[in-house]
Amino acid sequence: MQSKAVGIWIRVSTEDQAQGDSPEHHERRARLYAEAKGWSVAEVYRLEAVSGKAVMEHPEAKRMLADVKRGRIAGLIFSKLARLARNTRELLDFADYFRTHEADLVSLGESIDTSSPAGRLFYTMIAAMAQWEREEIASRVAASVPVRAKLGKPLGGQSPYGYLWKNGQFVVEPAEAPIRKLIYELFLKHRRKKTVARILNDQGYRTRGGAMWTNTTIERLLRDPTAKGVRISNYTKNVGKSKPIELKPESDWVYHECERIVPDELWDEVNAILDARRATGKRPLKRAVHLFAGKAFCQCGGKLYVHTSNKARYVCQACRNKIPIVDLEGIVHEQLRAYAVSPDEIAKHLDAGRDLVRQKEELIAVLEAERNKITKQQNTLIDLYQGGGLPKEDFGPRYQPLADRLKQIDEELPALEASRDVLKINSLSAEEVMAAATDLYTRWPTLSREEQRQIVEMIIDRITVGKDEVSIALLLSDNSPQMASFGERTIRGSSPPRAGSARDR
């Protein structure tokens, strides 16, 4: 029968050696015990002149634990528990590790040998002590959490994206804040979390941990009120492995003011969309394909749709009122003659343009800062490699991700700068904006379908198609609709219209 392989642990401090307590004495005593038990000594772990306050991170301790894990040794002999570790926490950790891997501990001074039935009581006692300590720590932490929360202190865990704890204060993270704001603006524009995640990923942005953005992360950040200046703490608790996190009663929540990243109006509008979607359980509809999709309504109140079976007409499903696509587009085109922009609207347009330029410049600054940071990291790795401080096999895996990210930034930065430049160049004077607005009728046929749809969304609130007329409500700067009615009309190229159809004037 193969004998049991064990290791010998020798840790004698400098002070012990000065008092004549030699490592050789401890080793000989352990070897004689192993011989008496019929065990073979496979390894000796030497920690001469090492303090017992913390030994878990010592290379010899790591080597010993690795040997236990892979089965090289099935037990460890040492002169007494204090020689294994003076730190109670580490002693408990050692015992737990050996029990988990079905290995034995032998302390000659305390006559503990866990390979014997009597010695196994040691493991039971140690486990009870560890459980008691964990419960005591958990109790102290739980008691301190509400106090720390009311004082505005950090309670552990990562700060939300866009913020960080600095010198005990919860402050905005300059490199992340513009991206956090961009998330809200993109969602308000596209109303799809997956679309926002895709745009961020395509533009080279990554989460704090360097991962790709997901719709789950996007919703979590959109819902987080820190962005509008409200930080909530003491609102969750750990309840066990089956359900690690549980919300506390709202009466326990603690609210703190913090620096805002987005205005209340933007946060509220985004969350109203999310709330409405959750209440109805409906997923966002597909993007409009037809020019007036979502804008065209029947006089009975129903929406007008273009069906796949009849792609030439907008049709009301309720009363079957219909109008040819070409006729409705002609009417709207004609209405553009009357469209004009007020001075207030021009000022708003120019202010919005300047805001967009500032946002682009903030994002450019973020990318440039990241580029400089990555370049420094690359130079550090190169210096380490050339100086012999970094092995060749480690250089590539560390350098390549930096190179990939740098390439992505180098592709995104010029595009972002070009976009910024276009916005700057297009910051027209009030007269130029007015000229562009009044010239819209002439330029309309030359615009792409996407450009026409964007204009429809910007200036038209609602199109109502009746039996004898079409009414178009235009959006003004104060968001009140301006009605433009058209008289009776006849469909071109057709016989007198059937009942329920819309006629050209």
Protein backbone atom coordinates (compact mmCIF):
# COMPACT_ATOMS: atom_id res chain seq x y z
CA MET A 1 0.00 0.00 0.00
CA GLN A 2 1.37 3.41 -0.99
CA SER A 3 2.24 5.58 2.03
CA LYS A 4 0.56 8.92 2.58
CA ALA A 5 2.54 11.89 1.22
CA VAL A 6 2.79 14.86 3.59
CA GLY A 7 4.55 18.18 3.81
CA ILE A 8 6.45 19.82 6.64
CA TRP A 9 5.83 23.45 7.48
CA ILE A 10 8.70 25.33 9.11
CA ARG A 11 8.30 28.92 10.16
CA VAL A 12 10.70 30.25 12.77
CA SER A 13 10.99 33.99 13.25
CA THR A 14 14.29 35.80 13.75
CA GLU A 15 13.43 36.29 17.42
CA ASP A 16 12.79 32.55 17.85
CA GLN A 17 16.12 31.69 16.23
CA ALA A 18 17.89 34.12 18.54
CA GLN A 19 16.44 32.17 21.45
CA GLY A 20 17.88 28.92 20.09
CA ASP A 21 14.69 27.62 18.44
CA SER A 22 16.22 26.33 15.19
CA PRO A 23 14.43 25.32 11.96
CA GLU A 24 16.43 22.07 11.92
CA HIS A 25 14.93 21.07 15.26
CA HIS A 26 11.37 21.54 13.98
CA GLU A 27 12.07 19.66 10.77
CA ARG A 28 13.62 16.66 12.56
CA ARG A 29 10.71 16.45 15.00
CA ALA A 30 8.19 16.50 12.12
CA ARG A 31 10.08 13.89 10.11
CA LEU A 32 10.17 11.53 13.09
CA TYR A 33 6.40 11.90 13.54
CA ALA A 34 5.81 11.15 9.86
CA GLU A 35 8.08 8.11 10.07
CA ALA A 36 6.19 6.81 13.10
CA LYS A 37 2.90 7.14 11.20
CA GLY A 38 4.34 5.44 8.10
CA TRP A 39 4.01 8.59 5.99
CA SER A 40 6.47 9.87 3.40
CA VAL A 41 7.66 13.46 3.41
CA ALA A 42 7.15 14.87 -0.09
CA GLU A 43 7.89 18.56 0.51
CA VAL A 44 9.33 20.91 3.12
CA TYR A 45 8.04 24.48 3.16
CA ARG A 46 10.51 26.89 4.74
CA LEU A 47 9.57 30.35 5.97
CA GLU A 48 12.59 31.17 8.10
CA ALA A 49 12.63 34.68 9.61
CA VAL A 50 9.04 35.36 8.48
CA SER A 51 6.50 36.97 10.81
CA GLY A 52 3.32 35.01 11.46
CA LYS A 53 1.03 38.01 11.22
CA ALA A 54 0.29 37.36 7.53
CA VAL A 55 1.66 34.39 5.61
CA MET A 56 -1.08 33.48 3.10
CA GLU A 57 0.53 35.60 0.38
CA HIS A 58 4.05 34.25 0.95
CA PRO A 59 5.36 32.27 -2.07
CA GLU A 60 5.99 29.18 0.07
CA ALA A 61 2.42 29.31 1.44
CA LYS A 62 1.04 29.58 -2.10
CA ARG A 63 3.23 26.65 -3.19
CA MET A 64 1.97 24.56 -0.27
CA LEU A 65 -1.71 25.33 -1.02
CA ALA A 66 -1.17 24.49 -4.68
CA ASP A 67 0.36 21.12 -3.69
CA VAL A 68 -2.66 20.38 -1.50
CA LYS A 69 -5.05 21.25 -4.31
CA ARG A 70 -3.35 19.01 -6.87
CA GLY A 71 -2.95 16.15 -4.39
CA ARG A 72 0.83 16.21 -4.13
CA ILE A 73 0.52 16.24 -0.35
CA ALA A 74 -2.41 14.94 1.73
CA GLY A 75 -1.35 16.48 5.03
CA LEU A 76 0.83 19.13 6.64
CA ILE A 77 2.91 18.73 9.83
CA PHE A 78 4.02 21.72 11.93
CA SER A 79 5.26 22.19 15.48
CA LYS A 80 2.25 24.21 16.76
CA LEU A 81 -0.66 26.31 15.48
CA ALA A 82 1.18 29.57 16.07
CA ARG A 83 3.87 28.33 13.65
CA LEU A 84 1.25 27.88 10.92
CA ALA A 85 -0.20 31.36 11.43
CA ARG A 86 -0.60 33.85 14.26
CA ASN A 87 -3.42 35.61 12.43
CA THR A 88 -6.72 34.00 13.52
CA ARG A 89 -8.40 34.75 10.21
CA GLU A 90 -5.61 33.09 8.25
CA LEU A 91 -5.63 30.08 10.58
CA LEU A 92 -9.35 29.65 9.92
CA ASP A 93 -8.76 30.01 6.19
CA PHE A 94 -5.99 27.39 6.22
CA ALA A 95 -8.21 24.93 8.13
CA ASP A 96 -11.15 25.54 5.80
CA TYR A 97 -8.96 25.03 2.73
CA PHE A 98 -7.56 21.72 4.04
CA ARG A 99 -11.00 20.45 4.98
CA THR A 100 -12.36 21.34 1.52
CA HIS A 101 -9.54 19.36 -0.15
CA GLU A 102 -9.76 16.44 2.31
CA ALA A 103 -6.23 16.98 3.58
CA ASP A 104 -5.06 16.74 7.19
CA LEU A 105 -3.42 19.20 9.55
CA VAL A 106 -1.02 17.93 12.24
CA SER A 107 -0.02 20.29 15.06
CA LEU A 108 2.49 18.51 17.29
CA GLY A 109 2.40 21.10 20.09
CA GLU A 110 -1.42 20.91 20.53
CA SER A 111 -1.57 17.14 19.77
CA ILE A 112 -3.98 17.78 16.87
CA ASP A 113 -4.01 15.23 14.04
CA THR A 114 -7.11 15.53 11.89
CA SER A 115 -6.40 12.13 10.34
CA SER A 116 -7.67 10.59 13.61
CA PRO A 117 -11.32 10.57 14.79
CA ALA A 118 -10.46 12.72 17.82
CA GLY A 119 -8.47 15.17 15.73
CA ARG A 120 -11.37 15.72 13.31
CA LEU A 121 -13.15 17.53 16.15
CA PHE A 122 -10.67 20.32 15.45
CA TYR A 123 -12.25 20.90 12.04
CA THR A 124 -15.72 21.06 13.60
CA MET A 125 -14.52 23.59 16.16
CA ILE A 126 -12.74 25.68 13.56
CA ALA A 127 -15.85 25.69 11.31
CA ALA A 128 -17.99 26.88 14.23
CA MET A 129 -15.50 29.65 15.00
CA ALA A 130 -15.45 30.75 11.35
CA GLN A 131 -19.26 30.84 11.17
CA TRP A 132 -19.44 32.85 14.38
CA GLU A 133 -16.88 35.33 13.06
CA ARG A 134 -18.73 35.73 9.75
CA GLU A 135 -22.00 36.41 11.55
CA GLU A 136 -20.33 38.92 13.86
CA ILE A 137 -18.78 40.76 10.92
CA ALA A 138 -22.08 40.73 9.00
CA SER A 139 -23.90 42.08 12.05
CA ARG A 140 -21.40 44.91 12.53
CA VAL A 141 -21.48 45.81 8.84
CA ALA A 142 -25.30 45.78 8.75
CA ALA A 143 -25.44 48.08 11.76
CA SER A 144 -22.96 50.52 10.24
CA VAL A 145 -24.59 50.76 6.79
CA PRO A 146 -27.54 53.06 7.70
CA VAL A 147 -25.23 55.35 9.68
CA ARG A 148 -22.72 55.62 6.82
CA ALA A 149 -25.58 56.14 4.35
CA LYS A 150 -26.99 59.08 6.34
CA LEU A 151 -23.53 60.59 6.52
CA GLY A 152 -23.20 60.30 2.74
CA LYS A 153 -20.26 57.92 2.96
CA PRO A 154 -19.53 55.21 0.34
CA LEU A 155 -21.05 51.82 1.16
CA GLY A 156 -18.88 49.71 -1.12
CA GLY A 157 -19.36 48.59 -4.68
CA GLN A 158 -18.73 50.56 -7.85
CA SER A 159 -20.03 54.06 -8.32
CA PRO A 160 -22.47 54.36 -11.25
CA TYR A 161 -21.06 55.15 -14.69
CA GLY A 162 -20.40 58.87 -14.93
CA TYR A 163 -19.45 59.27 -11.26
CA LEU A 164 -16.67 58.31 -8.85
CA TRP A 165 -15.77 58.60 -5.19
CA LYS A 166 -12.87 61.05 -4.74
CA ASN A 167 -11.55 61.99 -1.31
CA GLY A 168 -14.77 60.72 0.24
CA GLN A 169 -16.94 62.81 -2.10
CA PHE A 170 -19.33 61.57 -4.81
CA VAL A 171 -18.36 63.59 -7.89
CA VAL A 172 -18.78 63.54 -11.66
CA GLU A 173 -16.22 61.53 -13.65
CA PRO A 174 -15.22 63.95 -16.47
CA ALA A 175 -14.30 61.20 -18.95
CA GLU A 176 -17.59 59.30 -18.52
CA ALA A 177 -20.16 62.08 -17.99
CA PRO A 178 -20.46 63.11 -21.70
CA ILE A 179 -21.08 59.48 -22.67
CA ARG A 180 -23.67 59.07 -19.89
CA LYS A 181 -25.47 62.15 -21.25
CA LEU A 182 -25.19 60.85 -24.79
CA ILE A 183 -27.02 57.66 -23.73
CA TYR A 184 -30.10 59.67 -22.73
CA GLU A 185 -30.03 61.74 -25.91
CA LEU A 186 -29.65 58.70 -28.15
CA PHE A 187 -32.52 56.90 -26.41
CA LEU A 188 -34.79 59.92 -26.75
CA LYS A 189 -33.99 60.03 -30.46
CA HIS A 190 -34.23 56.31 -31.29
CA ARG A 191 -36.33 54.98 -28.35
CA ARG A 192 -34.57 51.63 -28.51
CA LYS A 193 -32.08 50.43 -25.93
CA LYS A 194 -30.44 47.99 -28.34
CA THR A 195 -30.00 50.76 -30.89
CA VAL A 196 -28.31 52.96 -28.29
CA ALA A 197 -25.99 50.09 -27.31
CA ARG A 198 -25.14 49.40 -30.96
CA ILE A 199 -24.36 53.05 -31.70
CA LEU A 200 -22.08 53.33 -28.66
CA ASN A 201 -20.28 50.11 -29.58
CA ASP A 202 -19.92 51.16 -33.23
CA GLN A 203 -18.43 54.49 -32.16
CA GLY A 204 -15.85 52.70 -30.01
CA TYR A 205 -17.22 53.52 -26.56
CA ARG A 206 -16.95 50.85 -23.87
CA THR A 207 -18.21 50.39 -20.34
CA ARG A 208 -15.94 51.19 -17.41
CA GLY A 209 -14.76 47.58 -17.39
CA GLY A 210 -13.99 47.67 -21.11
CA ALA A 211 -16.99 45.51 -22.09
CA MET A 212 -19.44 46.08 -24.95
CA TRP A 213 -22.64 47.96 -24.15
CA THR A 214 -25.86 45.92 -23.82
CA ASN A 215 -29.51 46.92 -23.66
CA THR A 216 -29.59 45.78 -20.00
CA THR A 217 -26.76 48.15 -19.07
CA ILE A 218 -28.39 50.96 -21.03
CA GLU A 219 -31.71 50.58 -19.19
CA ARG A 220 -29.98 50.40 -15.79
CA LEU A 221 -28.19 53.69 -16.48
CA LEU A 222 -31.32 55.35 -17.91
CA ARG A 223 -33.23 54.39 -14.76
CA ASP A 224 -30.51 55.50 -12.34
CA PRO A 225 -31.53 58.92 -10.89
CA THR A 226 -27.94 59.95 -10.12
CA ALA A 227 -27.80 61.43 -13.63
CA LYS A 228 -30.41 64.05 -12.62
CA GLY A 229 -28.70 64.76 -9.31
CA VAL A 230 -30.32 62.27 -6.91
CA ARG A 231 -28.18 59.55 -5.31
CA ILE A 232 -29.96 56.81 -3.34
CA SER A 233 -28.14 54.67 -0.77
CA ASN A 234 -29.10 51.98 1.77
CA TYR A 235 -31.76 50.56 -0.56
CA THR A 236 -30.55 46.95 -0.97
CA LYS A 237 -29.40 44.11 1.27
CA ASN A 238 -27.81 40.69 0.82
CA VAL A 239 -30.14 37.86 1.77
CA GLY A 240 -28.26 34.72 0.68
CA LYS A 241 -27.04 32.76 -2.29
CA SER A 242 -30.46 31.93 -3.73
CA LYS A 243 -31.40 35.62 -3.97
CA PRO A 244 -28.29 37.67 -3.29
CA ILE A 245 -29.86 41.16 -3.48
CA GLU A 246 -33.20 42.35 -2.16
CA LEU A 247 -34.68 45.84 -1.98
CA LYS A 248 -35.16 47.33 1.46
CA PRO A 249 -38.40 49.17 2.36
CA GLU A 250 -38.44 52.66 0.84
CA SER A 251 -38.61 54.11 4.35
CA ASP A 252 -34.99 52.93 4.83
CA TRP A 253 -33.70 54.56 1.64
CA VAL A 254 -31.41 57.56 2.06
CA TYR A 255 -31.38 60.33 -0.57
CA HIS A 256 -28.48 62.67 -1.31
CA GLU A 257 -28.06 65.49 -3.79
CA CYS A 258 -25.21 65.16 -6.28
CA GLU A 259 -24.00 66.99 -9.35
CA ARG A 260 -26.35 66.37 -12.26
CA ILE A 261 -25.32 65.20 -15.73
CA VAL A 262 -28.67 65.66 -17.51
CA PRO A 263 -31.56 68.08 -16.84
CA ASP A 264 -34.68 66.86 -15.04
CA GLU A 265 -36.76 67.27 -18.19
CA LEU A 266 -34.58 64.88 -20.21
CA TRP A 267 -34.43 62.26 -17.44
CA ASP A 268 -38.20 62.47 -16.84
CA GLU A 269 -39.04 62.19 -20.54
CA VAL A 270 -36.81 59.15 -21.02
CA ASN A 271 -38.20 57.39 -17.95
CA ALA A 272 -41.79 58.22 -18.92
CA ILE A 273 -41.17 56.32 -22.16
CA LEU A 274 -39.72 53.37 -20.25
CA ASP A 275 -42.61 53.43 -17.74
CA ALA A 276 -45.24 53.52 -20.47
CA ARG A 277 -43.57 50.65 -22.27
CA ARG A 278 -43.43 48.59 -19.08
CA ALA A 279 -47.09 49.35 -18.29
CA THR A 280 -48.36 48.26 -21.70
CA GLY A 281 -45.87 45.46 -22.16
CA LYS A 282 -45.48 46.54 -25.78
CA ARG A 283 -42.14 46.52 -27.51
CA PRO A 284 -41.16 49.61 -29.54
CA LEU A 285 -42.57 49.58 -33.05
CA LYS A 286 -40.37 49.25 -36.11
CA ARG A 287 -39.05 52.46 -37.54
CA ALA A 288 -41.34 54.28 -39.95
CA VAL A 289 -40.78 53.28 -43.55
CA HIS A 290 -43.32 55.55 -45.28
CA LEU A 291 -43.02 59.31 -45.31
CA PHE A 292 -46.08 60.03 -43.16
CA ALA A 293 -46.19 56.87 -41.05
CA GLY A 294 -47.34 57.80 -37.53
CA LYS A 295 -48.36 61.29 -38.69
CA ALA A 296 -51.33 60.51 -40.96
CA PHE A 297 -54.78 59.98 -39.37
CA CYS A 298 -58.30 59.53 -40.66
CA GLN A 299 -61.07 61.96 -39.73
CA CYS A 300 -62.61 59.11 -37.71
CA GLY A 301 -59.54 59.09 -35.46
CA GLY A 302 -57.89 55.93 -36.80
CA LYS A 303 -54.36 55.81 -38.14
CA LEU A 304 -53.69 55.55 -41.84
CA TYR A 305 -51.50 52.64 -42.93
CA VAL A 306 -49.87 51.57 -46.18
CA HIS A 307 -50.66 47.86 -46.52
CA THR A 308 -48.39 45.41 -48.28
CA SER A 309 -51.31 44.41 -50.52
CA ASN A 310 -51.83 48.00 -51.68
CA LYS A 311 -48.64 50.00 -51.47
CA ALA A 312 -50.05 52.94 -53.43
CA ARG A 313 -52.49 54.23 -50.78
CA TYR A 314 -52.79 55.18 -47.13
CA VAL A 315 -55.86 53.34 -45.80
CA CYS A 316 -57.88 53.63 -42.56
CA GLN A 317 -58.61 50.17 -41.19
CA ALA A 318 -61.69 51.37 -39.32
CA CYS A 319 -63.72 53.14 -42.03
CA ARG A 320 -61.68 52.26 -45.14
CA ASN A 321 -61.10 55.92 -45.99
CA LYS A 322 -58.08 56.09 -48.30
CA ILE A 323 -55.83 58.48 -50.16
CA PRO A 324 -53.13 57.78 -52.79
CA ILE A 325 -49.58 58.23 -51.50
CA VAL A 326 -48.64 60.48 -54.41
CA ASP A 327 -51.57 62.82 -53.71
CA LEU A 328 -50.82 63.21 -50.00
CA GLU A 329 -47.16 63.87 -50.72
CA GLY A 330 -48.15 66.49 -53.29
CA ILE A 331 -50.39 68.28 -50.80
CA VAL A 332 -47.68 68.35 -48.13
CA HIS A 333 -45.14 69.59 -50.69
CA GLU A 334 -47.48 72.42 -51.61
CA GLN A 335 -47.92 73.34 -47.95
CA LEU A 336 -44.16 73.92 -47.66
CA ARG A 337 -44.68 77.19 -49.56
CA ALA A 338 -46.39 78.57 -46.46
CA TYR A 339 -43.89 77.22 -43.98
CA ALA A 340 -41.82 79.94 -42.34
CA VAL A 341 -39.61 80.07 -39.30
CA SER A 342 -40.14 82.63 -36.53
CA PRO A 343 -37.21 84.62 -35.03
CA ASP A 344 -37.63 82.68 -31.78
CA GLU A 345 -37.42 79.41 -33.68
CA ILE A 346 -34.27 80.62 -35.45
CA ALA A 347 -32.67 81.49 -32.11
CA LYS A 348 -33.60 78.08 -30.73
CA HIS A 349 -32.14 76.42 -33.84
CA LEU A 350 -28.85 78.29 -33.48
CA ASP A 351 -28.66 77.57 -29.73
CA ALA A 352 -29.30 73.91 -30.40
CA GLY A 353 -26.51 73.91 -32.98
CA ARG A 354 -24.08 75.43 -30.52
CA ASP A 355 -25.07 72.86 -27.89
CA LEU A 356 -24.41 70.07 -30.36
CA VAL A 357 -20.99 71.51 -31.13
CA ARG A 358 -20.18 71.62 -27.40
CA GLN A 359 -21.33 68.03 -26.95
CA LYS A 360 -19.19 66.89 -29.87
CA GLU A 361 -16.18 68.74 -28.42
CA GLU A 362 -16.73 67.08 -25.02
CA LEU A 363 -16.77 63.64 -26.66
CA ILE A 364 -13.67 64.52 -28.68
CA ALA A 365 -11.91 65.54 -25.47
CA VAL A 366 -12.86 62.20 -23.88
CA LEU A 367 -11.43 60.24 -26.82
CA GLU A 368 -8.27 62.33 -26.94
CA ALA A 369 -7.71 61.82 -23.22
CA GLU A 370 -8.23 58.07 -23.61
CA ARG A 371 -5.86 58.05 -26.59
CA ASN A 372 -3.14 59.75 -24.55
CA LYS A 373 -3.70 57.32 -21.67
CA ILE A 374 -3.45 54.28 -23.96
CA THR A 375 -0.31 55.67 -25.64
CA LYS A 376 1.34 56.06 -22.22
CA GLN A 377 0.35 52.50 -21.29
CA GLN A 378 1.85 51.22 -24.56
CA ASN A 379 5.09 53.12 -23.93
CA THR A 380 5.28 51.70 -20.41
CA LEU A 381 4.86 48.14 -21.72
CA ILE A 382 7.52 48.72 -24.38
CA ASP A 383 9.96 50.10 -21.79
CA LEU A 384 9.30 47.10 -19.51
CA TYR A 385 9.82 44.66 -22.37
CA GLN A 386 13.01 46.30 -23.60
CA GLY A 387 14.33 46.51 -20.05
CA GLY A 388 13.73 42.83 -19.44
CA GLY A 389 10.98 43.42 -16.91
CA LEU A 390 8.25 41.84 -19.07
CA PRO A 391 8.59 38.40 -20.72
CA LYS A 392 7.94 38.15 -24.45
CA GLU A 393 4.96 35.84 -23.96
CA ASP A 394 3.29 38.41 -21.68
CA PHE A 395 3.99 41.43 -23.89
CA GLY A 396 1.66 40.50 -26.77
CA PRO A 397 -1.51 39.73 -24.73
CA ARG A 398 -1.10 43.02 -22.84
CA TYR A 399 -0.14 45.19 -25.79
CA GLN A 400 -2.61 43.95 -28.42
CA PRO A 401 -5.87 45.08 -26.69
CA LEU A 402 -4.37 48.54 -26.31
CA ALA A 403 -3.41 48.60 -29.98
CA ASP A 404 -6.91 47.47 -31.02
CA ARG A 405 -8.57 50.16 -28.90
CA LEU A 406 -6.15 52.80 -30.21
CA LYS A 407 -6.98 51.83 -33.79
CA GLN A 408 -10.68 52.14 -33.01
CA ILE A 409 -10.16 55.60 -31.49
CA ASP A 410 -8.07 56.67 -34.50
CA GLU A 411 -11.00 55.70 -36.72
CA GLU A 412 -13.68 57.31 -34.56
CA LEU A 413 -11.87 60.55 -33.67
CA PRO A 414 -11.61 61.95 -37.24
CA ALA A 415 -15.29 61.11 -37.84
CA LEU A 416 -16.29 62.88 -34.64
CA GLU A 417 -14.10 65.88 -35.50
CA ALA A 418 -15.57 66.03 -38.99
CA SER A 419 -19.08 65.94 -37.53
CA ARG A 420 -18.12 68.78 -35.19
CA ASP A 421 -16.66 70.76 -38.08
CA VAL A 422 -19.83 70.30 -40.14
CA LEU A 423 -21.93 71.58 -37.25
CA LYS A 424 -19.67 74.61 -36.87
CA ILE A 425 -19.77 75.43 -40.57
CA ASN A 426 -23.54 75.00 -40.64
CA SER A 427 -24.09 77.46 -37.77
CA LEU A 428 -25.84 79.84 -40.14
CA SER A 429 -27.00 83.35 -39.44
CA ALA A 430 -30.67 84.06 -38.82
CA GLU A 431 -31.06 85.34 -42.39
CA GLU A 432 -29.52 82.17 -43.84
CA VAL A 433 -31.77 79.99 -41.71
CA MET A 434 -34.81 81.95 -42.91
CA ALA A 435 -33.66 81.62 -46.52
CA ALA A 436 -33.19 77.88 -46.09
CA ALA A 437 -36.66 77.53 -44.59
CA THR A 438 -38.42 79.52 -47.31
CA ASP A 439 -36.46 77.65 -49.98
CA LEU A 440 -37.61 74.29 -48.63
CA TYR A 441 -40.40 74.06 -51.20
CA THR A 442 -37.91 74.32 -54.09
CA ARG A 443 -35.37 71.91 -52.62
CA TRP A 444 -37.89 69.28 -51.47
CA PRO A 445 -37.78 67.09 -54.64
CA THR A 446 -33.98 66.93 -54.50
CA LEU A 447 -33.87 65.66 -50.89
CA SER A 448 -33.37 61.98 -50.06
CA ARG A 449 -36.24 60.00 -48.55
CA GLU A 450 -34.52 59.98 -45.18
CA GLU A 451 -34.04 63.77 -45.26
CA GLN A 452 -37.68 64.29 -46.19
CA ARG A 453 -38.80 62.05 -43.32
CA GLN A 454 -36.63 64.02 -40.87
CA ILE A 455 -38.26 67.28 -42.01
CA VAL A 456 -41.74 65.73 -41.65
CA GLU A 457 -40.93 64.73 -38.07
CA MET A 458 -39.60 68.21 -37.27
CA ILE A 459 -42.38 70.40 -38.70
CA ILE A 460 -45.56 68.28 -38.88
CA ASP A 461 -47.58 67.38 -35.82
CA ARG A 462 -50.53 65.60 -37.49
CA ILE A 463 -52.15 65.11 -40.88
CA THR A 464 -55.91 64.49 -40.85
CA VAL A 465 -57.48 63.09 -44.01
CA GLY A 466 -61.23 63.65 -44.43
CA LYS A 467 -63.62 62.88 -47.25
CA ASP A 468 -63.26 66.31 -48.80
CA GLU A 469 -60.21 67.89 -47.25
CA VAL A 470 -56.79 67.32 -45.70
CA SER A 471 -55.74 69.29 -42.61
CA ILE A 472 -52.06 69.59 -41.65
CA ALA A 473 -51.07 70.67 -38.12
CA LEU A 474 -47.60 72.21 -38.13
CA LEU A 475 -45.40 72.30 -35.05
CA LEU A 476 -44.42 75.75 -33.83
CA SER A 477 -41.65 76.70 -31.43
CA ASP A 478 -44.09 76.63 -28.50
CA ASN A 479 -45.23 73.13 -29.56
CA SER A 480 -48.72 74.36 -30.36
CA PRO A 481 -50.03 73.10 -33.71
CA GLN A 482 -50.77 75.55 -36.51
CA MET A 483 -53.66 74.35 -38.63
CA ALA A 484 -53.46 74.57 -42.41
CA SER A 485 -56.65 73.36 -44.10
CA PHE A 486 -57.12 72.46 -47.73
CA GLY A 487 -60.43 72.46 -49.56
CA GLU A 488 -62.11 69.76 -51.59
CA ARG A 489 -59.84 67.91 -54.01
CA THR A 490 -60.15 65.32 -56.77
CA ILE A 491 -57.90 62.29 -57.26
CA ARG A 492 -55.91 62.72 -60.43
CA GLY A 493 -56.30 60.19 -63.15
CA SER A 494 -59.42 58.59 -61.75
CA SER A 495 -63.14 58.62 -62.21
CA PRO A 496 -65.30 60.44 -59.66
CA PRO A 497 -64.27 59.18 -56.24
CA ARG A 498 -66.12 56.47 -54.40
CA ALA A 499 -67.79 57.15 -51.08
CA GLY A 500 -65.30 57.24 -48.25
CA SER A 501 -62.35 58.29 -50.39
CA ALA A 502 -60.40 61.52 -50.09
CA ARG A 503 -60.62 63.86 -53.07
CA ASP A 504 -58.19 66.39 -54.53
CA ARG A 505 -59.18 69.97 -54.54
